Amino acid sequence: METTATTTPPPGGAAAAPAKAITAKGASKSWEAVQTAGRKAFEAFLASNHYPKVAGLTAAALRKEHWLDAELYEHFAGWIAGGVVPPGRKGAGEPYQAGTIKGYVQILVNAAAAMHKGRGDPAADLFFTCLDVKASTPTAIWYRGLRKNIKRFCFERDKKAGDLGGEGAEPLYLEDVRRLVRAYYIKGTPEACARACAIIAAHQSAGRSSEIGYVDTDTASWDSYFRTMYAVQPMSKPSQVKPFALCAGVDHYSCFYAAFGYRAMRVGFPTLDEDDTHWLFPDLQGGSTGAKLSRYIKDVCKGGLQRYSEVAIELHDNPSAAGLRVGACNVLAT
């Protein structure tokens, strides 16, 4: 008779299904994609014979002295900075930006440290003090200088090409939000009212469209002084939370409470177990919140979904949820 192993829950009981393990490595799909892209770029660099000392070698064939050679990372950074993003990737055909180049170099240094740091070689341990942001060793100073010069190189490159500022999303301002919401209100379906509420909330959160879907009502609170509700939205990159206000507006096209009321009347409230997470926007759960909000914006514009064609509005070309953030930043900067 076969037996299966059982896991003893922590003291006090289990809050959820136990994680297999919490490791020091990034686990998101986007981070895994960056790791893969960085490794592929390095293999292509080796195959290019750009740096004669490693010409003809693969990453697996590199010896310790190669990984401890500062010029290897410098030549890799220079090679990447002179190239363009390959087809099938975001920004294909455009020069690599400083953040990507620094990230690829960091992937290499981390991989080398994992292989050679703490293995009894003082030279290796000294070299990898470059990863200590507080260290003042020669390699730490070198690595900080390399990262600084990568940024400087890309800035000067883009300045000469007239590309400073990039081609970011077109801003969406309050007036654009009011027009989107008005169109959804005219349609008046449960789906339309839910979408209008989400768009207003994303705008009021300073356009943090990728995070608004993870606001839950259990962390919201009422501020008696400002007489408004404050909610908390998680920021994934720093693993921190940020409070923001959900406010009344000058009309019902810009008012969160009007939108929330319309959504409540047309959609109602889901029946939830007390142990469930009470998401403020359950329709944004599953998949990319930013992508869903972008679809909400595009669907009610000319050329969008057929069922919204009679209320469709015209905005600039290719509007997206990212424009809410750009618009909010422009307002704050003005």
C-alpha atoms as a PDB file:
ATOM      1  CA  MET A   1       0.000   0.000   0.000  1.00  0.00           C
ATOM      2  CA  GLU A   2       1.408   3.368  -1.039  1.00  0.00           C
ATOM      3  CA  THR A   3       1.502   6.199   1.423  1.00  0.00           C
ATOM      4  CA  THR A   4       1.751   9.893   0.689  1.00  0.00           C
ATOM      5  CA  ALA A   5       3.761  12.315   2.750  1.00  0.00           C
ATOM      6  CA  THR A   6       1.819  14.973   4.609  1.00  0.00           C
ATOM      7  CA  THR A   7       3.031  18.437   5.477  1.00  0.00           C
ATOM      8  CA  THR A   8       2.686  19.608   9.044  1.00  0.00           C
ATOM      9  CA  PRO A   9       1.304  23.163   9.044  1.00  0.00           C
ATOM     10  CA  PRO A  10       3.087  25.974  10.885  1.00  0.00           C
ATOM     11  CA  PRO A  11       2.095  26.690  14.509  1.00  0.00           C
ATOM     12  CA  GLY A  12      -1.360  28.205  14.537  1.00  0.00           C
ATOM     13  CA  GLY A  13      -2.426  26.472  11.332  1.00  0.00           C
ATOM     14  CA  ALA A  14      -1.956  27.123   7.635  1.00  0.00           C
ATOM     15  CA  ALA A  15      -3.061  30.399   6.045  1.00  0.00           C
ATOM     16  CA  ALA A  16      -2.828  28.976   2.526  1.00  0.00           C
ATOM     17  CA  ALA A  17      -1.387  26.085   0.568  1.00  0.00           C
ATOM     18  CA  PRO A  18       2.299  25.879   1.536  1.00  0.00           C
ATOM     19  CA  ALA A  19       4.823  27.265  -0.920  1.00  0.00           C
ATOM     20  CA  LYS A  20       7.294  24.741  -2.264  1.00  0.00           C
ATOM     21  CA  ALA A  21      10.137  27.059  -1.297  1.00  0.00           C
ATOM     22  CA  ILE A  22      10.858  30.772  -1.169  1.00  0.00           C
ATOM     23  CA  THR A  23      14.190  31.303  -2.859  1.00  0.00           C
ATOM     24  CA  ALA A  24      16.474  34.279  -3.447  1.00  0.00           C
ATOM     25  CA  LYS A  25      15.842  34.167  -7.189  1.00  0.00           C
ATOM     26  CA  GLY A  26      13.208  36.204  -9.008  1.00  0.00           C
ATOM     27  CA  ALA A  27      10.260  34.001  -9.928  1.00  0.00           C
ATOM     28  CA  SER A  28       8.090  36.201 -12.164  1.00  0.00           C
ATOM     29  CA  LYS A  29       7.693  35.308 -15.822  1.00  0.00           C
ATOM     30  CA  SER A  30       8.955  38.730 -16.852  1.00  0.00           C
ATOM     31  CA  TRP A  31      12.142  38.264 -14.817  1.00  0.00           C
ATOM     32  CA  GLU A  32      12.666  34.802 -16.270  1.00  0.00           C
ATOM     33  CA  ALA A  33      12.265  36.301 -19.757  1.00  0.00           C
ATOM     34  CA  VAL A  34      14.905  38.942 -18.987  1.00  0.00           C
ATOM     35  CA  GLN A  35      17.277  36.250 -17.704  1.00  0.00           C
ATOM     36  CA  THR A  36      16.794  34.200 -20.854  1.00  0.00           C
ATOM     37  CA  ALA A  37      17.284  37.220 -23.113  1.00  0.00           C
ATOM     38  CA  GLY A  38      20.439  38.203 -21.245  1.00  0.00           C
ATOM     39  CA  ARG A  39      21.944  34.745 -21.581  1.00  0.00           C
ATOM     40  CA  LYS A  40      21.103  34.591 -25.305  1.00  0.00           C
ATOM     41  CA  ALA A  41      22.661  38.021 -25.838  1.00  0.00           C
ATOM     42  CA  PHE A  42      25.861  36.901 -24.117  1.00  0.00           C
ATOM     43  CA  GLU A  43      26.103  33.750 -26.245  1.00  0.00           C
ATOM     44  CA  ALA A  44      25.649  35.907 -29.359  1.00  0.00           C
ATOM     45  CA  PHE A  45      28.374  38.244 -28.075  1.00  0.00           C
ATOM     46  CA  LEU A  46      30.778  35.326 -27.649  1.00  0.00           C
ATOM     47  CA  ALA A  47      29.959  34.063 -31.129  1.00  0.00           C
ATOM     48  CA  SER A  48      30.603  37.521 -32.612  1.00  0.00           C
ATOM     49  CA  ASN A  49      34.340  37.409 -31.728  1.00  0.00           C
ATOM     50  CA  HIS A  50      33.996  41.005 -30.500  1.00  0.00           C
ATOM     51  CA  TYR A  51      36.405  40.288 -27.638  1.00  0.00           C
ATOM     52  CA  PRO A  52      39.387  38.223 -28.860  1.00  0.00           C
ATOM     53  CA  LYS A  53      40.180  36.734 -25.434  1.00  0.00           C
ATOM     54  CA  VAL A  54      36.972  34.669 -25.522  1.00  0.00           C
ATOM     55  CA  ALA A  55      36.607  34.264 -29.288  1.00  0.00           C
ATOM     56  CA  GLY A  56      35.171  30.901 -30.233  1.00  0.00           C
ATOM     57  CA  LEU A  57      34.140  29.957 -26.702  1.00  0.00           C
ATOM     58  CA  THR A  58      30.688  29.376 -25.289  1.00  0.00           C
ATOM     59  CA  ALA A  59      29.578  30.567 -21.872  1.00  0.00           C
ATOM     60  CA  ALA A  60      29.899  27.022 -20.543  1.00  0.00           C
ATOM     61  CA  ALA A  61      33.519  26.865 -21.748  1.00  0.00           C
ATOM     62  CA  LEU A  62      34.656  30.058 -20.038  1.00  0.00           C
ATOM     63  CA  ARG A  63      37.198  29.553 -17.291  1.00  0.00           C
ATOM     64  CA  LYS A  64      37.402  31.345 -13.973  1.00  0.00           C
ATOM     65  CA  GLU A  65      39.997  33.807 -15.228  1.00  0.00           C
ATOM     66  CA  HIS A  66      37.576  34.866 -17.935  1.00  0.00           C
ATOM     67  CA  TRP A  67      34.808  35.573 -15.424  1.00  0.00           C
ATOM     68  CA  LEU A  68      37.238  37.626 -13.306  1.00  0.00           C
ATOM     69  CA  ASP A  69      38.231  39.781 -16.282  1.00  0.00           C
ATOM     70  CA  ALA A  70      36.617  43.223 -16.021  1.00  0.00           C
ATOM     71  CA  GLU A  71      37.155  43.811 -19.725  1.00  0.00           C
ATOM     72  CA  LEU A  72      34.810  40.929 -20.555  1.00  0.00           C
ATOM     73  CA  TYR A  73      31.886  42.832 -19.061  1.00  0.00           C
ATOM     74  CA  GLU A  74      33.016  46.120 -20.598  1.00  0.00           C
ATOM     75  CA  HIS A  75      33.211  44.639 -24.091  1.00  0.00           C
ATOM     76  CA  PHE A  76      29.842  42.919 -23.647  1.00  0.00           C
ATOM     77  CA  ALA A  77      28.262  46.218 -22.584  1.00  0.00           C
ATOM     78  CA  GLY A  78      29.804  48.006 -25.568  1.00  0.00           C
ATOM     79  CA  TRP A  79      28.671  45.314 -27.983  1.00  0.00           C
ATOM     80  CA  ILE A  80      25.079  45.418 -26.687  1.00  0.00           C
ATOM     81  CA  ALA A  81      25.013  49.230 -26.709  1.00  0.00           C
ATOM     82  CA  GLY A  82      25.928  49.210 -30.401  1.00  0.00           C
ATOM     83  CA  GLY A  83      23.133  46.824 -31.350  1.00  0.00           C
ATOM     84  CA  VAL A  84      19.361  46.871 -31.600  1.00  0.00           C
ATOM     85  CA  VAL A  85      16.606  44.821 -29.981  1.00  0.00           C
ATOM     86  CA  PRO A  86      15.955  41.660 -32.062  1.00  0.00           C
ATOM     87  CA  PRO A  87      12.632  40.939 -33.814  1.00  0.00           C
ATOM     88  CA  GLY A  88       9.811  39.613 -31.676  1.00  0.00           C
ATOM     89  CA  ARG A  89      10.819  41.636 -28.628  1.00  0.00           C
ATOM     90  CA  LYS A  90       9.333  44.858 -27.317  1.00  0.00           C
ATOM     91  CA  GLY A  91      11.137  47.748 -28.988  1.00  0.00           C
ATOM     92  CA  ALA A  92      12.384  45.549 -31.846  1.00  0.00           C
ATOM     93  CA  GLY A  93      14.743  47.433 -34.136  1.00  0.00           C
ATOM     94  CA  GLU A  94      15.449  50.130 -31.544  1.00  0.00           C
ATOM     95  CA  PRO A  95      18.785  50.566 -29.734  1.00  0.00           C
ATOM     96  CA  TYR A  96      19.104  48.870 -26.364  1.00  0.00           C
ATOM     97  CA  GLN A  97      18.397  51.237 -23.501  1.00  0.00           C
ATOM     98  CA  ALA A  98      20.697  51.748 -20.533  1.00  0.00           C
ATOM     99  CA  GLY A  99      18.476  49.853 -18.105  1.00  0.00           C
ATOM    100  CA  THR A 100      18.496  46.752 -20.307  1.00  0.00           C
ATOM    101  CA  ILE A 101      22.259  46.858 -20.833  1.00  0.00           C
ATOM    102  CA  LYS A 102      22.931  47.268 -17.111  1.00  0.00           C
ATOM    103  CA  GLY A 103      20.499  44.438 -16.409  1.00  0.00           C
ATOM    104  CA  TYR A 104      22.246  42.067 -18.836  1.00  0.00           C
ATOM    105  CA  VAL A 105      25.659  42.857 -17.335  1.00  0.00           C
ATOM    106  CA  GLN A 106      24.232  42.311 -13.854  1.00  0.00           C
ATOM    107  CA  ILE A 107      22.915  38.913 -14.916  1.00  0.00           C
ATOM    108  CA  LEU A 108      26.429  37.936 -16.017  1.00  0.00           C
ATOM    109  CA  VAL A 109      28.100  39.178 -12.850  1.00  0.00           C
ATOM    110  CA  ASN A 110      25.537  37.387 -10.682  1.00  0.00           C
ATOM    111  CA  ALA A 111      26.008  34.150 -12.617  1.00  0.00           C
ATOM    112  CA  ALA A 112      29.790  34.400 -12.301  1.00  0.00           C
ATOM    113  CA  ALA A 113      29.536  35.108  -8.579  1.00  0.00           C
ATOM    114  CA  ALA A 114      27.315  32.071  -8.101  1.00  0.00           C
ATOM    115  CA  MET A 115      30.006  29.908  -9.690  1.00  0.00           C
ATOM    116  CA  HIS A 116      33.153  31.350  -8.119  1.00  0.00           C
ATOM    117  CA  LYS A 117      32.432  33.492  -5.063  1.00  0.00           C
ATOM    118  CA  GLY A 118      33.041  31.914  -1.661  1.00  0.00           C
ATOM    119  CA  ARG A 119      34.988  28.970  -3.073  1.00  0.00           C
ATOM    120  CA  GLY A 120      38.254  29.678  -1.288  1.00  0.00           C
ATOM    121  CA  ASP A 121      39.803  31.938  -3.928  1.00  0.00           C
ATOM    122  CA  PRO A 122      40.681  35.381  -2.453  1.00  0.00           C
ATOM    123  CA  ALA A 123      40.987  36.920  -5.927  1.00  0.00           C
ATOM    124  CA  ALA A 124      37.464  35.836  -6.826  1.00  0.00           C
ATOM    125  CA  ASP A 125      36.032  37.015  -3.524  1.00  0.00           C
ATOM    126  CA  LEU A 126      37.715  40.393  -4.011  1.00  0.00           C
ATOM    127  CA  PHE A 127      36.412  40.739  -7.567  1.00  0.00           C
ATOM    128  CA  PHE A 128      32.831  40.076  -6.567  1.00  0.00           C
ATOM    129  CA  THR A 129      32.839  42.779  -3.919  1.00  0.00           C
ATOM    130  CA  CYS A 130      31.655  44.764  -6.940  1.00  0.00           C
ATOM    131  CA  LEU A 131      28.170  43.529  -6.007  1.00  0.00           C
ATOM    132  CA  ASP A 132      28.359  45.246  -2.605  1.00  0.00           C
ATOM    133  CA  VAL A 133      26.957  48.736  -3.119  1.00  0.00           C
ATOM    134  CA  LYS A 134      28.709  49.956   0.037  1.00  0.00           C
ATOM    135  CA  ALA A 135      32.128  48.516  -0.779  1.00  0.00           C
ATOM    136  CA  SER A 136      35.069  50.766  -1.668  1.00  0.00           C
ATOM    137  CA  THR A 137      37.306  48.113  -3.235  1.00  0.00           C
ATOM    138  CA  PRO A 138      38.780  48.754  -6.695  1.00  0.00           C
ATOM    139  CA  THR A 139      36.299  46.382  -8.355  1.00  0.00           C
ATOM    140  CA  ALA A 140      33.326  47.957  -6.559  1.00  0.00           C
ATOM    141  CA  ILE A 141      34.424  51.395  -7.756  1.00  0.00           C
ATOM    142  CA  TRP A 142      34.976  49.982 -11.256  1.00  0.00           C
ATOM    143  CA  TYR A 143      31.515  48.415 -11.418  1.00  0.00           C
ATOM    144  CA  ARG A 144      29.744  51.567 -10.270  1.00  0.00           C
ATOM    145  CA  GLY A 145      31.699  53.486 -12.897  1.00  0.00           C
ATOM    146  CA  LEU A 146      30.744  50.979 -15.590  1.00  0.00           C
ATOM    147  CA  ARG A 147      27.046  51.309 -14.808  1.00  0.00           C
ATOM    148  CA  LYS A 148      27.325  55.097 -14.776  1.00  0.00           C
ATOM    149  CA  ASN A 149      29.121  55.142 -18.118  1.00  0.00           C
ATOM    150  CA  ILE A 150      26.548  52.817 -19.707  1.00  0.00           C
ATOM    151  CA  LYS A 151      23.880  55.362 -18.824  1.00  0.00           C
ATOM    152  CA  ARG A 152      26.044  58.232 -20.086  1.00  0.00           C
ATOM    153  CA  PHE A 153      26.813  56.440 -23.368  1.00  0.00           C
ATOM    154  CA  CYS A 154      23.139  55.771 -24.084  1.00  0.00           C
ATOM    155  CA  PHE A 155      22.187  59.345 -23.214  1.00  0.00           C
ATOM    156  CA  GLU A 156      24.785  60.784 -25.597  1.00  0.00           C
ATOM    157  CA  ARG A 157      23.823  58.281 -28.307  1.00  0.00           C
ATOM    158  CA  ASP A 158      20.150  59.196 -28.084  1.00  0.00           C
ATOM    159  CA  LYS A 159      20.945  62.916 -27.866  1.00  0.00           C
ATOM    160  CA  LYS A 160      22.888  62.814 -31.132  1.00  0.00           C
ATOM    161  CA  ALA A 161      20.070  60.827 -32.763  1.00  0.00           C
ATOM    162  CA  GLY A 162      17.432  63.245 -31.489  1.00  0.00           C
ATOM    163  CA  ASP A 163      15.692  60.451 -29.600  1.00  0.00           C
ATOM    164  CA  LEU A 164      15.764  61.818 -26.060  1.00  0.00           C
ATOM    165  CA  GLY A 165      12.381  61.410 -24.447  1.00  0.00           C
ATOM    166  CA  GLY A 166      11.584  58.262 -26.392  1.00  0.00           C
ATOM    167  CA  GLU A 167       8.231  57.409 -27.894  1.00  0.00           C
ATOM    168  CA  GLY A 168       6.199  56.771 -24.792  1.00  0.00           C
ATOM    169  CA  ALA A 169       2.444  56.531 -24.534  1.00  0.00           C
ATOM    170  CA  GLU A 170       0.357  59.547 -25.461  1.00  0.00           C
ATOM    171  CA  PRO A 171      -1.008  61.161 -22.288  1.00  0.00           C
ATOM    172  CA  LEU A 172      -4.609  60.762 -21.200  1.00  0.00           C
ATOM    173  CA  TYR A 173      -5.941  63.608 -19.058  1.00  0.00           C
ATOM    174  CA  LEU A 174      -9.065  64.112 -16.969  1.00  0.00           C
ATOM    175  CA  GLU A 175     -11.026  65.354 -19.971  1.00  0.00           C
ATOM    176  CA  ASP A 176     -10.153  62.157 -21.850  1.00  0.00           C
ATOM    177  CA  VAL A 177     -11.222  60.075 -18.849  1.00  0.00           C
ATOM    178  CA  ARG A 178     -14.534  61.974 -18.647  1.00  0.00           C
ATOM    179  CA  ARG A 179     -15.239  61.241 -22.321  1.00  0.00           C
ATOM    180  CA  LEU A 180     -14.448  57.536 -21.879  1.00  0.00           C
ATOM    181  CA  VAL A 181     -16.629  57.275 -18.792  1.00  0.00           C
ATOM    182  CA  ARG A 182     -19.488  59.226 -20.401  1.00  0.00           C
ATOM    183  CA  ALA A 183     -19.489  56.810 -23.357  1.00  0.00           C
ATOM    184  CA  TYR A 184     -19.674  53.812 -21.035  1.00  0.00           C
ATOM    185  CA  TYR A 185     -22.457  55.442 -19.007  1.00  0.00           C
ATOM    186  CA  ILE A 186     -24.499  56.017 -22.163  1.00  0.00           C
ATOM    187  CA  LYS A 187     -24.128  52.347 -22.996  1.00  0.00           C
ATOM    188  CA  GLY A 188     -25.237  51.571 -19.440  1.00  0.00           C
ATOM    189  CA  THR A 189     -24.687  47.806 -19.415  1.00  0.00           C
ATOM    190  CA  PRO A 190     -23.272  46.086 -16.327  1.00  0.00           C
ATOM    191  CA  GLU A 191     -19.980  45.567 -18.145  1.00  0.00           C
ATOM    192  CA  ALA A 192     -19.852  49.210 -19.225  1.00  0.00           C
ATOM    193  CA  CYS A 193     -20.463  50.498 -15.689  1.00  0.00           C
ATOM    194  CA  ALA A 194     -17.776  48.214 -14.255  1.00  0.00           C
ATOM    195  CA  ARG A 195     -15.300  49.429 -16.861  1.00  0.00           C
ATOM    196  CA  ALA A 196     -16.102  53.091 -16.187  1.00  0.00           C
ATOM    197  CA  CYS A 197     -15.460  52.607 -12.459  1.00  0.00           C
ATOM    198  CA  ALA A 198     -12.093  50.943 -13.093  1.00  0.00           C
ATOM    199  CA  ILE A 199     -10.959  53.716 -15.464  1.00  0.00           C
ATOM    200  CA  ILE A 200     -11.818  56.455 -12.956  1.00  0.00           C
ATOM    201  CA  ALA A 201      -9.994  54.631 -10.151  1.00  0.00           C
ATOM    202  CA  ALA A 202      -6.916  54.077 -12.344  1.00  0.00           C
ATOM    203  CA  HIS A 203      -6.864  57.791 -13.151  1.00  0.00           C
ATOM    204  CA  GLN A 204      -7.205  58.769  -9.496  1.00  0.00           C
ATOM    205  CA  SER A 205      -4.334  56.452  -8.536  1.00  0.00           C
ATOM    206  CA  ALA A 206      -2.018  58.648 -10.648  1.00  0.00           C
ATOM    207  CA  GLY A 207      -2.325  56.236 -13.535  1.00  0.00           C
ATOM    208  CA  ARG A 208      -0.761  53.216 -11.824  1.00  0.00           C
ATOM    209  CA  SER A 209      -2.784  50.970 -14.088  1.00  0.00           C
ATOM    210  CA  SER A 210      -0.866  47.748 -13.468  1.00  0.00           C
ATOM    211  CA  GLU A 211      -1.560  47.893  -9.722  1.00  0.00           C
ATOM    212  CA  ILE A 212      -5.143  49.100  -9.410  1.00  0.00           C
ATOM    213  CA  GLY A 213      -6.450  45.554  -9.922  1.00  0.00           C
ATOM    214  CA  TYR A 214      -4.880  44.426  -6.633  1.00  0.00           C
ATOM    215  CA  VAL A 215      -6.653  46.898  -4.370  1.00  0.00           C
ATOM    216  CA  ASP A 216      -8.797  45.106  -1.806  1.00  0.00           C
ATOM    217  CA  THR A 217     -11.514  46.626   0.346  1.00  0.00           C
ATOM    218  CA  ASP A 218     -10.152  45.168   3.571  1.00  0.00           C
ATOM    219  CA  THR A 219      -7.182  47.558   3.457  1.00  0.00           C
ATOM    220  CA  ALA A 220      -9.282  50.614   2.548  1.00  0.00           C
ATOM    221  CA  SER A 221     -10.188  53.213   5.164  1.00  0.00           C
ATOM    222  CA  TRP A 222     -12.275  56.367   5.464  1.00  0.00           C
ATOM    223  CA  ASP A 223     -10.496  59.631   6.238  1.00  0.00           C
ATOM    224  CA  SER A 224     -12.797  61.847   8.298  1.00  0.00           C
ATOM    225  CA  TYR A 225     -10.736  64.994   7.712  1.00  0.00           C
ATOM    226  CA  PHE A 226     -10.654  64.879   3.919  1.00  0.00           C
ATOM    227  CA  ARG A 227     -13.934  62.943   3.864  1.00  0.00           C
ATOM    228  CA  THR A 228     -12.757  60.465   1.310  1.00  0.00           C
ATOM    229  CA  MET A 229     -11.652  56.856   1.090  1.00  0.00           C
ATOM    230  CA  TYR A 230      -8.012  55.867   1.041  1.00  0.00           C
ATOM    231  CA  ALA A 231      -7.038  52.567  -0.507  1.00  0.00           C
ATOM    232  CA  VAL A 232      -3.707  50.768  -0.666  1.00  0.00           C
ATOM    233  CA  GLN A 233      -2.213  49.447  -3.868  1.00  0.00           C
ATOM    234  CA  PRO A 234       0.782  47.119  -4.023  1.00  0.00           C
ATOM    235  CA  MET A 235       3.896  48.064  -6.004  1.00  0.00           C
ATOM    236  CA  SER A 236       5.486  44.857  -7.235  1.00  0.00           C
ATOM    237  CA  LYS A 237       9.027  46.030  -8.002  1.00  0.00           C
ATOM    238  CA  PRO A 238       9.883  47.417  -4.533  1.00  0.00           C
ATOM    239  CA  SER A 239       7.421  45.026  -2.809  1.00  0.00           C
ATOM    240  CA  GLN A 240       5.800  47.943  -0.990  1.00  0.00           C
ATOM    241  CA  VAL A 241       2.337  49.450  -0.777  1.00  0.00           C
ATOM    242  CA  LYS A 242       1.250  52.976  -1.621  1.00  0.00           C
ATOM    243  CA  PRO A 243      -1.895  54.689  -0.314  1.00  0.00           C
ATOM    244  CA  PHE A 244      -4.014  56.797  -2.639  1.00  0.00           C
ATOM    245  CA  ALA A 245      -7.312  58.638  -2.386  1.00  0.00           C
ATOM    246  CA  LEU A 246     -10.496  57.683  -4.204  1.00  0.00           C
ATOM    247  CA  CYS A 247     -12.236  61.022  -4.558  1.00  0.00           C
ATOM    248  CA  ALA A 248     -15.490  62.695  -5.444  1.00  0.00           C
ATOM    249  CA  GLY A 249     -15.416  64.548  -8.760  1.00  0.00           C
ATOM    250  CA  VAL A 250     -16.844  67.746 -10.193  1.00  0.00           C
ATOM    251  CA  ASP A 251     -19.423  65.677 -12.095  1.00  0.00           C
ATOM    252  CA  HIS A 252     -20.435  62.047 -12.306  1.00  0.00           C
ATOM    253  CA  TYR A 253     -18.029  61.444 -15.177  1.00  0.00           C
ATOM    254  CA  SER A 254     -15.064  62.077 -12.870  1.00  0.00           C
ATOM    255  CA  CYS A 255     -16.459  60.927  -9.518  1.00  0.00           C
ATOM    256  CA  PHE A 256     -15.388  57.570  -8.117  1.00  0.00           C
ATOM    257  CA  TYR A 257     -18.389  57.359  -5.789  1.00  0.00           C
ATOM    258  CA  ALA A 258     -20.876  57.941  -8.591  1.00  0.00           C
ATOM    259  CA  ALA A 259     -19.096  55.304 -10.666  1.00  0.00           C
ATOM    260  CA  PHE A 260     -19.004  52.878  -7.759  1.00  0.00           C
ATOM    261  CA  GLY A 261     -22.727  53.432  -7.189  1.00  0.00           C
ATOM    262  CA  TYR A 262     -23.572  52.830 -10.841  1.00  0.00           C
ATOM    263  CA  ARG A 263     -21.494  49.666 -10.803  1.00  0.00           C
ATOM    264  CA  ALA A 264     -23.224  48.487  -7.634  1.00  0.00           C
ATOM    265  CA  MET A 265     -26.654  49.057  -9.181  1.00  0.00           C
ATOM    266  CA  ARG A 266     -25.889  47.356 -12.479  1.00  0.00           C
ATOM    267  CA  VAL A 267     -23.428  44.641 -11.404  1.00  0.00           C
ATOM    268  CA  GLY A 268     -24.214  44.154  -7.724  1.00  0.00           C
ATOM    269  CA  PHE A 269     -21.779  42.763  -5.194  1.00  0.00           C
ATOM    270  CA  PRO A 270     -20.347  39.244  -5.387  1.00  0.00           C
ATOM    271  CA  THR A 271     -21.099  36.833  -2.590  1.00  0.00           C
ATOM    272  CA  LEU A 272     -17.765  36.104  -0.967  1.00  0.00           C
ATOM    273  CA  ASP A 273     -16.613  33.839   1.775  1.00  0.00           C
ATOM    274  CA  GLU A 274     -15.083  35.801   4.659  1.00  0.00           C
ATOM    275  CA  ASP A 275     -11.759  34.096   3.916  1.00  0.00           C
ATOM    276  CA  ASP A 276     -11.721  35.345   0.324  1.00  0.00           C
ATOM    277  CA  THR A 277      -9.856  38.452  -0.754  1.00  0.00           C
ATOM    278  CA  HIS A 278     -12.388  41.224  -1.351  1.00  0.00           C
ATOM    279  CA  TRP A 279     -11.025  42.801  -4.510  1.00  0.00           C
ATOM    280  CA  LEU A 280     -12.324  46.278  -5.259  1.00  0.00           C
ATOM    281  CA  PHE A 281     -12.205  45.467  -8.980  1.00  0.00           C
ATOM    282  CA  PRO A 282     -12.778  41.733  -9.395  1.00  0.00           C
ATOM    283  CA  ASP A 283     -13.150  42.161 -13.160  1.00  0.00           C
ATOM    284  CA  LEU A 284      -9.447  43.105 -13.324  1.00  0.00           C
ATOM    285  CA  GLN A 285      -8.295  39.855 -11.713  1.00  0.00           C
ATOM    286  CA  GLY A 286      -6.475  37.300 -13.830  1.00  0.00           C
ATOM    287  CA  GLY A 287      -3.890  38.336 -16.388  1.00  0.00           C
ATOM    288  CA  SER A 288      -2.378  41.775 -16.837  1.00  0.00           C
ATOM    289  CA  THR A 289      -4.350  44.597 -15.211  1.00  0.00           C
ATOM    290  CA  GLY A 290      -2.695  47.164 -17.455  1.00  0.00           C
ATOM    291  CA  ALA A 291      -3.573  45.200 -20.583  1.00  0.00           C
ATOM    292  CA  LYS A 292      -7.204  44.894 -19.484  1.00  0.00           C
ATOM    293  CA  LEU A 293      -7.487  48.616 -18.789  1.00  0.00           C
ATOM    294  CA  SER A 294      -5.933  49.351 -22.170  1.00  0.00           C
ATOM    295  CA  ARG A 295      -8.579  47.162 -23.744  1.00  0.00           C
ATOM    296  CA  TYR A 296     -11.307  49.011 -21.808  1.00  0.00           C
ATOM    297  CA  ILE A 297      -9.986  52.268 -23.290  1.00  0.00           C
ATOM    298  CA  LYS A 298      -9.580  50.997 -26.865  1.00  0.00           C
ATOM    299  CA  ASP A 299     -12.896  49.130 -26.957  1.00  0.00           C
ATOM    300  CA  VAL A 300     -14.957  52.303 -26.611  1.00  0.00           C
ATOM    301  CA  CYS A 301     -12.926  54.273 -29.186  1.00  0.00           C
ATOM    302  CA  LYS A 302     -13.557  54.403 -32.920  1.00  0.00           C
ATOM    303  CA  GLY A 303     -12.600  51.057 -34.425  1.00  0.00           C
ATOM    304  CA  GLY A 304     -13.040  49.278 -31.090  1.00  0.00           C
ATOM    305  CA  LEU A 305     -15.589  46.663 -30.084  1.00  0.00           C
ATOM    306  CA  GLN A 306     -18.702  46.452 -32.243  1.00  0.00           C
ATOM    307  CA  ARG A 307     -21.023  46.446 -29.250  1.00  0.00           C
ATOM    308  CA  TYR A 308     -19.732  49.909 -28.293  1.00  0.00           C
ATOM    309  CA  SER A 309     -19.762  51.348 -31.810  1.00  0.00           C
ATOM    310  CA  GLU A 310     -22.842  53.541 -31.210  1.00  0.00           C
ATOM    311  CA  VAL A 311     -21.151  55.336 -28.290  1.00  0.00           C
ATOM    312  CA  ALA A 312     -17.556  55.232 -29.577  1.00  0.00           C
ATOM    313  CA  ILE A 313     -15.398  58.328 -29.164  1.00  0.00           C
ATOM    314  CA  GLU A 314     -12.260  59.554 -30.906  1.00  0.00           C
ATOM    315  CA  LEU A 315      -8.981  59.831 -29.026  1.00  0.00           C
ATOM    316  CA  HIS A 316      -5.436  60.008 -30.342  1.00  0.00           C
ATOM    317  CA  ASP A 317      -3.929  57.031 -32.136  1.00  0.00           C
ATOM    318  CA  ASN A 318      -3.374  53.909 -30.051  1.00  0.00           C
ATOM    319  CA  PRO A 319      -4.594  55.094 -26.615  1.00  0.00           C
ATOM    320  CA  SER A 320      -3.613  52.854 -23.702  1.00  0.00           C
ATOM    321  CA  ALA A 321      -3.681  52.636 -19.915  1.00  0.00           C
ATOM    322  CA  ALA A 322      -0.035  53.751 -19.878  1.00  0.00           C
ATOM    323  CA  GLY A 323      -1.293  57.139 -21.045  1.00  0.00           C
ATOM    324  CA  LEU A 324      -3.050  57.614 -17.702  1.00  0.00           C
ATOM    325  CA  ARG A 325       0.329  57.532 -15.972  1.00  0.00           C
ATOM    326  CA  VAL A 326       1.927  59.896 -18.485  1.00  0.00           C
ATOM    327  CA  GLY A 327      -0.966  62.312 -18.120  1.00  0.00           C
ATOM    328  CA  ALA A 328      -0.765  62.217 -14.313  1.00  0.00           C
ATOM    329  CA  CYS A 329       3.002  62.846 -14.380  1.00  0.00           C
ATOM    330  CA  ASN A 330       2.563  65.764 -16.780  1.00  0.00           C
ATOM    331  CA  VAL A 331      -0.038  67.342 -14.518  1.00  0.00           C
ATOM    332  CA  LEU A 332       2.186  66.949 -11.455  1.00  0.00           C
ATOM    333  CA  ALA A 333       5.159  68.385 -13.330  1.00  0.00           C
ATOM    334  CA  THR A 334       3.287  71.459 -14.575  1.00  0.00           C
END
